[in-house]
Amino acid sequence: MIYLVSILASINNVSIFVSMAYNNKNKLIRVKQIQDAYLLHKKDGVSTRYVYKTFIWPRWNISISSLYNYLAINVRKEMRQLDMFDHIN
């Protein structure tokens, strides 16, 4: 983990500001798992709502709108962007 430390100094006191870096790697892993499960169970003639009710909701307990949002995420692109920042650290 990276801690960004900014020291704000004044004449009478010194205060230290520490903030922790945050990334979405765990969320992207979860999104990838949900996308893989969706693609595995989605076949011709099977609706998205059926796949959601039968396979996605019992395991991950997300809403149908969250499923649609997760399906719209380009996980590979997002992970590459996070990996770029990991090499800097």
N, C-alpha and C. Protein backbone atom coordinates (compact mmCIF):
# COMPACT_ATOMS: atom_id res chain seq x y z
N MET A 1 0.83 -1.17 0.00
CA MET A 1 0.00 0.00 0.00
C MET A 1 0.88 1.24 0.00
N ILE A 2 0.37 2.20 -0.63
CA ILE A 2 1.10 3.45 -0.72
C ILE A 2 0.42 4.48 0.16
N TYR A 3 1.19 5.16 0.91
CA TYR A 3 0.66 6.23 1.73
C TYR A 3 1.21 7.55 1.21
N LEU A 4 0.31 8.42 0.90
CA LEU A 4 0.72 9.73 0.45
C LEU A 4 0.80 10.63 1.67
N VAL A 5 1.96 11.13 1.90
CA VAL A 5 2.16 11.94 3.09
C VAL A 5 2.44 13.37 2.66
N SER A 6 1.63 14.22 3.15
CA SER A 6 1.84 15.64 2.91
C SER A 6 2.03 16.32 4.26
N ILE A 7 3.10 16.97 4.40
CA ILE A 7 3.34 17.67 5.66
C ILE A 7 3.00 19.14 5.46
N LEU A 8 2.03 19.54 6.23
CA LEU A 8 1.62 20.94 6.19
C LEU A 8 2.23 21.64 7.39
N ALA A 9 3.17 22.48 7.13
CA ALA A 9 3.89 23.12 8.22
C ALA A 9 3.48 24.59 8.34
N SER A 10 3.39 24.99 9.53
CA SER A 10 3.19 26.41 9.80
C SER A 10 4.17 26.81 10.89
N ILE A 11 4.14 28.02 11.27
CA ILE A 11 5.10 28.50 12.25
C ILE A 11 4.90 27.85 13.61
N ASN A 12 3.66 27.65 14.06
CA ASN A 12 3.40 27.14 15.41
C ASN A 12 3.24 25.62 15.47
N ASN A 13 2.74 24.99 14.44
CA ASN A 13 2.51 23.55 14.53
C ASN A 13 2.80 22.86 13.20
N VAL A 14 2.91 21.56 13.27
CA VAL A 14 3.13 20.75 12.09
C VAL A 14 2.05 19.67 12.10
N SER A 15 1.32 19.55 11.03
CA SER A 15 0.31 18.50 10.94
C SER A 15 0.66 17.59 9.76
N ILE A 16 0.33 16.33 9.90
CA ILE A 16 0.63 15.35 8.86
C ILE A 16 -0.68 14.81 8.31
N PHE A 17 -0.80 14.85 7.01
CA PHE A 17 -1.98 14.34 6.34
C PHE A 17 -1.59 13.04 5.65
N VAL A 18 -2.27 11.94 6.01
CA VAL A 18 -1.98 10.63 5.43
C VAL A 18 -3.25 10.12 4.77
N SER A 19 -3.16 9.77 3.49
CA SER A 19 -4.29 9.16 2.81
C SER A 19 -3.82 7.87 2.16
N MET A 20 -4.69 6.89 2.16
CA MET A 20 -4.34 5.59 1.62
C MET A 20 -4.80 5.49 0.17
N ALA A 21 -3.93 4.97 -0.69
CA ALA A 21 -4.31 4.78 -2.09
C ALA A 21 -5.36 3.68 -2.19
N TYR A 22 -6.24 3.82 -3.17
CA TYR A 22 -7.34 2.86 -3.32
C TYR A 22 -7.48 2.51 -4.79
N ASN A 23 -7.74 1.23 -5.04
CA ASN A 23 -8.05 0.85 -6.41
C ASN A 23 -9.20 -0.14 -6.40
N ASN A 24 -9.71 -0.43 -7.57
CA ASN A 24 -10.91 -1.26 -7.69
C ASN A 24 -10.59 -2.68 -8.13
N LYS A 25 -9.43 -3.20 -7.81
CA LYS A 25 -9.03 -4.51 -8.32
C LYS A 25 -9.97 -5.61 -7.84
N ASN A 26 -10.37 -5.61 -6.59
CA ASN A 26 -11.27 -6.65 -6.09
C ASN A 26 -12.65 -6.56 -6.74
N LYS A 27 -13.13 -5.35 -6.96
CA LYS A 27 -14.42 -5.19 -7.64
C LYS A 27 -14.33 -5.70 -9.07
N LEU A 28 -13.23 -5.42 -9.75
CA LEU A 28 -13.08 -5.89 -11.12
C LEU A 28 -12.99 -7.41 -11.19
N ILE A 29 -12.38 -8.03 -10.20
CA ILE A 29 -12.33 -9.50 -10.15
C ILE A 29 -13.74 -10.05 -10.00
N ARG A 30 -14.54 -9.43 -9.15
CA ARG A 30 -15.93 -9.87 -8.96
C ARG A 30 -16.75 -9.67 -10.24
N VAL A 31 -16.55 -8.53 -10.91
CA VAL A 31 -17.25 -8.27 -12.16
C VAL A 31 -16.87 -9.30 -13.20
N LYS A 32 -15.60 -9.67 -13.27
CA LYS A 32 -15.15 -10.68 -14.23
C LYS A 32 -15.80 -12.04 -13.94
N GLN A 33 -15.92 -12.40 -12.67
CA GLN A 33 -16.57 -13.66 -12.30
C GLN A 33 -18.04 -13.65 -12.73
N ILE A 34 -18.72 -12.54 -12.52
CA ILE A 34 -20.13 -12.43 -12.88
C ILE A 34 -20.29 -12.47 -14.40
N GLN A 35 -19.40 -11.78 -15.12
CA GLN A 35 -19.47 -11.83 -16.58
C GLN A 35 -19.23 -13.24 -17.10
N ASP A 36 -18.26 -13.96 -16.53
CA ASP A 36 -17.99 -15.33 -16.97
C ASP A 36 -19.19 -16.25 -16.70
N ALA A 37 -19.81 -16.10 -15.54
CA ALA A 37 -20.98 -16.93 -15.21
C ALA A 37 -22.14 -16.60 -16.16
N TYR A 38 -22.31 -15.34 -16.47
CA TYR A 38 -23.37 -14.93 -17.39
C TYR A 38 -23.16 -15.55 -18.77
N LEU A 39 -21.94 -15.44 -19.28
CA LEU A 39 -21.64 -15.99 -20.61
C LEU A 39 -21.75 -17.51 -20.63
N LEU A 40 -21.44 -18.16 -19.52
CA LEU A 40 -21.54 -19.61 -19.45
C LEU A 40 -22.99 -20.08 -19.54
N HIS A 41 -23.90 -19.36 -18.90
CA HIS A 41 -25.29 -19.79 -18.82
C HIS A 41 -26.19 -19.16 -19.88
N LYS A 42 -25.73 -18.12 -20.52
CA LYS A 42 -26.53 -17.44 -21.54
C LYS A 42 -26.44 -18.23 -22.84
N LYS A 43 -27.56 -18.75 -23.28
CA LYS A 43 -27.63 -19.53 -24.51
C LYS A 43 -28.77 -18.96 -25.36
N ASP A 44 -28.87 -19.44 -26.58
CA ASP A 44 -29.95 -18.99 -27.45
C ASP A 44 -31.30 -19.34 -26.84
N GLY A 45 -32.18 -18.39 -26.81
CA GLY A 45 -33.52 -18.61 -26.27
C GLY A 45 -33.65 -18.42 -24.78
N VAL A 46 -32.54 -18.18 -24.09
CA VAL A 46 -32.58 -17.97 -22.63
C VAL A 46 -32.45 -16.47 -22.38
N SER A 47 -33.38 -15.94 -21.62
CA SER A 47 -33.36 -14.50 -21.37
C SER A 47 -32.33 -14.14 -20.29
N THR A 48 -31.95 -12.89 -20.30
CA THR A 48 -31.02 -12.38 -19.30
C THR A 48 -31.65 -12.44 -17.92
N ARG A 49 -32.95 -12.15 -17.84
CA ARG A 49 -33.64 -12.18 -16.56
C ARG A 49 -33.63 -13.59 -15.96
N TYR A 50 -33.79 -14.63 -16.80
CA TYR A 50 -33.74 -16.01 -16.33
C TYR A 50 -32.35 -16.35 -15.80
N VAL A 51 -31.33 -15.97 -16.53
CA VAL A 51 -29.95 -16.22 -16.08
C VAL A 51 -29.71 -15.50 -14.76
N TYR A 52 -30.21 -14.27 -14.67
CA TYR A 52 -30.06 -13.50 -13.44
C TYR A 52 -30.74 -14.20 -12.26
N LYS A 53 -32.01 -14.56 -12.42
CA LYS A 53 -32.77 -15.16 -11.31
C LYS A 53 -32.26 -16.54 -10.92
N THR A 54 -31.77 -17.30 -11.88
CA THR A 54 -31.38 -18.69 -11.63
C THR A 54 -29.94 -18.83 -11.18
N PHE A 55 -29.03 -18.04 -11.75
CA PHE A 55 -27.61 -18.27 -11.50
C PHE A 55 -26.89 -17.11 -10.81
N ILE A 56 -27.19 -15.89 -11.21
CA ILE A 56 -26.44 -14.73 -10.71
C ILE A 56 -26.91 -14.31 -9.32
N TRP A 57 -28.20 -14.06 -9.17
CA TRP A 57 -28.70 -13.55 -7.89
C TRP A 57 -28.46 -14.49 -6.71
N PRO A 58 -28.68 -15.80 -6.83
CA PRO A 58 -28.45 -16.66 -5.66
C PRO A 58 -26.98 -16.67 -5.19
N ARG A 59 -26.05 -16.47 -6.11
CA ARG A 59 -24.64 -16.54 -5.72
C ARG A 59 -24.08 -15.19 -5.27
N TRP A 60 -24.37 -14.11 -6.03
CA TRP A 60 -23.76 -12.82 -5.73
C TRP A 60 -24.73 -11.82 -5.11
N ASN A 61 -26.01 -12.07 -5.15
CA ASN A 61 -27.01 -11.21 -4.51
C ASN A 61 -26.89 -9.75 -4.96
N ILE A 62 -26.90 -9.54 -6.26
CA ILE A 62 -26.87 -8.19 -6.83
C ILE A 62 -28.19 -7.95 -7.54
N SER A 63 -28.49 -6.70 -7.81
CA SER A 63 -29.73 -6.36 -8.50
C SER A 63 -29.55 -6.55 -10.01
N ILE A 64 -30.66 -6.58 -10.71
CA ILE A 64 -30.62 -6.73 -12.17
C ILE A 64 -29.96 -5.52 -12.82
N SER A 65 -30.16 -4.34 -12.27
CA SER A 65 -29.51 -3.15 -12.83
C SER A 65 -28.00 -3.20 -12.62
N SER A 66 -27.57 -3.75 -11.49
CA SER A 66 -26.13 -3.93 -11.27
C SER A 66 -25.55 -4.93 -12.26
N LEU A 67 -26.31 -5.98 -12.56
CA LEU A 67 -25.85 -6.95 -13.56
C LEU A 67 -25.65 -6.26 -14.90
N TYR A 68 -26.61 -5.46 -15.32
CA TYR A 68 -26.47 -4.74 -16.59
C TYR A 68 -25.26 -3.81 -16.57
N ASN A 69 -25.04 -3.13 -15.46
CA ASN A 69 -23.87 -2.25 -15.34
C ASN A 69 -22.58 -3.06 -15.40
N TYR A 70 -22.54 -4.21 -14.74
CA TYR A 70 -21.34 -5.05 -14.74
C TYR A 70 -21.06 -5.61 -16.12
N LEU A 71 -22.10 -5.94 -16.87
CA LEU A 71 -21.90 -6.47 -18.22
C LEU A 71 -21.36 -5.40 -19.17
N ALA A 72 -21.56 -4.14 -18.85
CA ALA A 72 -21.09 -3.05 -19.70
C ALA A 72 -19.64 -2.67 -19.43
N ILE A 73 -19.04 -3.20 -18.38
CA ILE A 73 -17.67 -2.84 -18.00
C ILE A 73 -16.68 -3.66 -18.83
N ASN A 74 -15.68 -2.98 -19.39
CA ASN A 74 -14.60 -3.64 -20.10
C ASN A 74 -13.51 -3.96 -19.06
N VAL A 75 -13.55 -5.18 -18.52
CA VAL A 75 -12.68 -5.55 -17.40
C VAL A 75 -11.22 -5.57 -17.81
N ARG A 76 -10.92 -6.08 -18.99
CA ARG A 76 -9.51 -6.15 -19.41
C ARG A 76 -8.88 -4.76 -19.50
N LYS A 77 -9.62 -3.81 -20.06
CA LYS A 77 -9.10 -2.45 -20.17
C LYS A 77 -8.88 -1.84 -18.79
N GLU A 78 -9.83 -2.02 -17.89
CA GLU A 78 -9.71 -1.47 -16.54
C GLU A 78 -8.54 -2.10 -15.78
N MET A 79 -8.36 -3.42 -15.93
CA MET A 79 -7.24 -4.10 -15.25
C MET A 79 -5.90 -3.63 -15.81
N ARG A 80 -5.82 -3.41 -17.12
CA ARG A 80 -4.57 -2.89 -17.70
C ARG A 80 -4.25 -1.52 -17.13
N GLN A 81 -5.27 -0.68 -16.96
CA GLN A 81 -5.03 0.64 -16.39
C GLN A 81 -4.54 0.54 -14.96
N LEU A 82 -5.10 -0.38 -14.17
CA LEU A 82 -4.64 -0.56 -12.81
C LEU A 82 -3.22 -1.10 -12.77
N ASP A 83 -2.89 -2.02 -13.69
CA ASP A 83 -1.54 -2.55 -13.74
C ASP A 83 -0.52 -1.49 -14.10
N MET A 84 -0.90 -0.52 -14.92
CA MET A 84 0.00 0.58 -15.24
C MET A 84 0.37 1.34 -13.97
N PHE A 85 -0.61 1.56 -13.12
CA PHE A 85 -0.35 2.31 -11.90
C PHE A 85 0.40 1.45 -10.88
N ASP A 86 0.23 0.13 -10.92
CA ASP A 86 0.95 -0.74 -9.99
C ASP A 86 2.44 -0.73 -10.26
N HIS A 87 2.86 -0.56 -11.52
CA HIS A 87 4.28 -0.55 -11.84
C HIS A 87 4.96 0.74 -11.35
N ILE A 88 4.21 1.80 -11.24
CA ILE A 88 4.75 3.07 -10.76
C ILE A 88 5.11 2.95 -9.28
N ASN A 89 4.29 2.21 -8.54
CA ASN A 89 4.47 2.12 -7.09
C ASN A 89 5.62 1.31 -6.79
